[in-house]
Amino acid sequence: MIFDSSLLTQVILPFLLIFVVIFAILQKSKILGEGKAQIDALVSLAIALILIGVPRAREIVVELMPWLAVAISVILVFLILYGFVAGDLSSNVPKWMKIVFGILAGLFTLGLVIYVTGVGESLKNWFSGNSGIWSTIILILVIGGAFAVAVSTGKKGGSSE
């Protein structure tokens, strides 16, 4: 298949990515001057060709991009969940509700990433192999967090009267 081709994945796509990104940065920042698209294109071309000519730099870009795509997908899932719950951020939803649901959406997204990547099993094995000390530490952290929330909520409620 064409997408498995080494020429495509190791040369063409990294070249296009770097060329387009550098060109866009140069156009937006106007570092080389206003209306200098040809110069921006030549500089971008030179940088992209240098990237293709240096194997280690190309390997870094090729190895990094799939993880960037995964990270963007995770952020997209979080934003969709947050948007579903909070809706239009300018609406009359109370601020505390946006924060609570934002935290819940973030925790759900984190849990989903842990589950999908298989890290959950490794964490479970690691925590269970340490004779319950981690369970105690996590319980103390949860109780401390709940106490901190209760104290901060109590101060806000008392000062508004």
Protein backbone atom coordinates (compact mmCIF):
# COMPACT_ATOMS: atom_id res chain seq x y z
CA MET A 1 0.00 0.00 0.00
CA ILE A 2 1.18 3.54 -0.68
CA PHE A 3 0.91 4.66 2.96
CA ASP A 4 3.44 2.00 4.03
CA SER A 5 5.99 3.29 1.54
CA SER A 6 9.26 4.35 3.11
CA LEU A 7 9.55 7.16 0.56
CA LEU A 8 6.24 8.62 1.73
CA THR A 9 6.71 8.21 5.49
CA GLN A 10 10.43 8.99 5.69
CA VAL A 11 10.82 11.69 3.03
CA ILE A 12 7.70 13.25 1.53
CA LEU A 13 5.49 13.69 4.60
CA PRO A 14 8.24 15.06 6.92
CA PHE A 15 9.36 17.40 4.13
CA LEU A 16 5.82 18.70 3.55
CA LEU A 17 5.14 19.07 7.26
CA ILE A 18 8.25 21.09 7.99
CA PHE A 19 7.95 23.14 4.79
CA VAL A 20 4.33 24.12 5.48
CA VAL A 21 4.86 24.81 9.20
CA ILE A 22 7.97 26.94 8.67
CA PHE A 23 6.31 28.79 5.78
CA ALA A 24 3.23 29.50 7.89
CA ILE A 25 5.36 30.74 10.80
CA LEU A 26 7.36 33.03 8.51
CA GLN A 27 4.20 34.37 6.87
CA LYS A 28 2.45 35.01 10.17
CA SER A 29 5.44 36.55 11.96
CA LYS A 30 6.64 38.58 8.94
CA ILE A 31 10.22 38.13 10.17
CA LEU A 32 11.64 38.45 6.64
CA GLY A 33 9.36 41.34 5.72
CA GLU A 34 5.83 42.14 4.56
CA GLY A 35 4.79 40.56 1.25
CA LYS A 36 7.90 38.40 0.95
CA ALA A 37 6.16 35.08 0.23
CA GLN A 38 8.85 33.99 -2.25
CA ILE A 39 11.63 34.52 0.28
CA ASP A 40 9.60 32.77 2.98
CA ALA A 41 9.07 29.84 0.59
CA LEU A 42 12.79 29.60 -0.22
CA VAL A 43 13.78 29.66 3.45
CA SER A 44 11.13 27.04 4.24
CA LEU A 45 12.32 24.90 1.34
CA ALA A 46 15.93 25.09 2.54
CA ILE A 47 15.01 24.14 6.11
CA ALA A 48 12.79 21.25 4.94
CA LEU A 49 15.53 19.94 2.64
CA ILE A 50 18.07 20.14 5.47
CA LEU A 51 15.68 18.14 7.64
CA ILE A 52 15.43 15.42 5.00
CA GLY A 53 19.22 15.38 4.62
CA VAL A 54 19.93 14.88 8.33
CA PRO A 55 18.78 11.37 9.28
CA ARG A 56 18.56 11.84 13.05
CA ALA A 57 16.52 15.05 12.78
CA ARG A 58 14.16 13.35 10.32
CA GLU A 59 13.81 10.33 12.62
CA ILE A 60 12.84 12.60 15.52
CA VAL A 61 10.13 14.26 13.44
CA VAL A 62 8.87 10.92 12.10
CA GLU A 63 8.75 9.39 15.61
CA LEU A 64 7.20 12.48 17.22
CA MET A 65 4.31 13.12 14.83
CA PRO A 66 2.19 10.04 15.66
CA TRP A 67 2.36 10.96 19.35
CA LEU A 68 1.40 14.53 18.53
CA ALA A 69 -1.62 13.17 16.66
CA VAL A 70 -2.54 11.06 19.70
CA ALA A 71 -2.16 14.06 22.03
CA ILE A 72 -4.32 16.23 19.78
CA SER A 73 -6.95 13.47 19.68
CA VAL A 74 -6.97 13.28 23.48
CA ILE A 75 -7.32 17.07 23.75
CA LEU A 76 -10.15 16.95 21.20
CA VAL A 77 -11.98 14.31 23.26
CA PHE A 78 -11.58 16.45 26.38
CA LEU A 79 -12.85 19.57 24.62
CA ILE A 80 -15.84 17.70 23.19
CA LEU A 81 -16.73 16.35 26.64
CA TYR A 82 -16.25 19.74 28.26
CA GLY A 83 -18.26 21.47 25.55
CA PHE A 84 -21.03 18.90 25.92
CA VAL A 85 -21.28 19.59 29.63
CA ALA A 86 -20.55 23.31 29.82
CA GLY A 87 -22.06 24.26 26.47
CA ASP A 88 -21.55 27.85 25.45
CA LEU A 89 -19.05 29.27 27.90
CA SER A 90 -20.81 32.64 27.87
CA SER A 91 -24.11 31.14 29.04
CA ASN A 92 -25.54 31.39 32.56
CA VAL A 93 -24.02 28.14 33.80
CA PRO A 94 -22.59 28.72 37.30
CA LYS A 95 -18.81 28.88 37.43
CA TRP A 96 -18.55 26.10 40.02
CA MET A 97 -20.52 23.77 37.75
CA LYS A 98 -18.19 24.45 34.83
CA ILE A 99 -15.18 23.74 37.05
CA VAL A 100 -16.66 20.53 38.47
CA PHE A 101 -17.66 19.18 35.07
CA GLY A 102 -14.36 20.29 33.56
CA ILE A 103 -12.52 18.32 36.23
CA LEU A 104 -14.79 15.32 35.65
CA ALA A 105 -14.25 15.53 31.88
CA GLY A 106 -10.49 15.75 32.46
CA LEU A 107 -10.50 12.75 34.81
CA PHE A 108 -12.61 10.77 32.36
CA THR A 109 -10.23 11.62 29.52
CA LEU A 110 -7.22 10.67 31.65
CA GLY A 111 -8.88 7.40 32.63
CA LEU A 112 -9.72 6.68 29.02
CA VAL A 113 -6.13 7.28 27.93
CA ILE A 114 -4.84 5.03 30.73
CA TYR A 115 -7.29 2.30 29.72
CA VAL A 116 -6.65 2.52 25.96
CA THR A 117 -2.86 2.53 26.29
CA GLY A 118 -2.83 -0.44 28.66
CA VAL A 119 -1.02 1.51 31.36
CA GLY A 120 -3.86 0.72 33.76
CA GLU A 121 -2.82 -2.92 34.10
CA SER A 122 0.78 -1.93 34.79
CA LEU A 123 -0.33 0.57 37.44
CA LYS A 124 -2.65 -1.97 39.02
CA ASN A 125 0.12 -4.57 39.21
CA TRP A 126 2.59 -2.03 40.58
CA PHE A 127 0.23 -0.71 43.25
CA SER A 128 -0.95 -4.18 44.32
CA GLY A 129 2.61 -5.47 44.60
CA ASN A 130 3.58 -2.97 47.32
CA SER A 131 1.66 -4.52 50.24
CA GLY A 132 -1.07 -1.89 50.44
CA ILE A 133 1.13 1.10 51.27
CA TRP A 134 -0.06 2.89 48.14
CA SER A 135 -3.69 2.31 49.04
CA THR A 136 -3.06 4.05 52.34
CA ILE A 137 -1.23 6.95 50.68
CA ILE A 138 -3.99 7.41 48.10
CA LEU A 139 -6.65 7.30 50.84
CA ILE A 140 -4.78 9.97 52.80
CA LEU A 141 -4.45 12.14 49.67
CA VAL A 142 -8.17 11.81 48.88
CA ILE A 143 -9.15 12.69 52.46
CA GLY A 144 -6.71 15.63 52.43
CA GLY A 145 -8.11 16.85 49.10
CA ALA A 146 -11.69 16.59 50.36
CA PHE A 147 -10.71 18.46 53.52
CA ALA A 148 -9.01 21.22 51.48
CA VAL A 149 -12.10 21.60 49.29
CA ALA A 150 -14.36 21.71 52.36
CA VAL A 151 -12.20 24.33 54.08
CA SER A 152 -11.92 26.54 50.98
CA THR A 153 -15.67 26.28 50.33
CA GLY A 154 -16.41 27.09 53.97
CA LYS A 155 -14.26 30.25 53.84
CA LYS A 156 -15.97 31.47 50.67
CA GLY A 157 -19.43 30.81 52.09
CA GLY A 158 -18.67 32.52 55.41
CA SER A 159 -17.19 35.67 53.86
CA SER A 160 -20.17 36.34 51.59
CA GLU A 161 -22.63 36.86 54.47
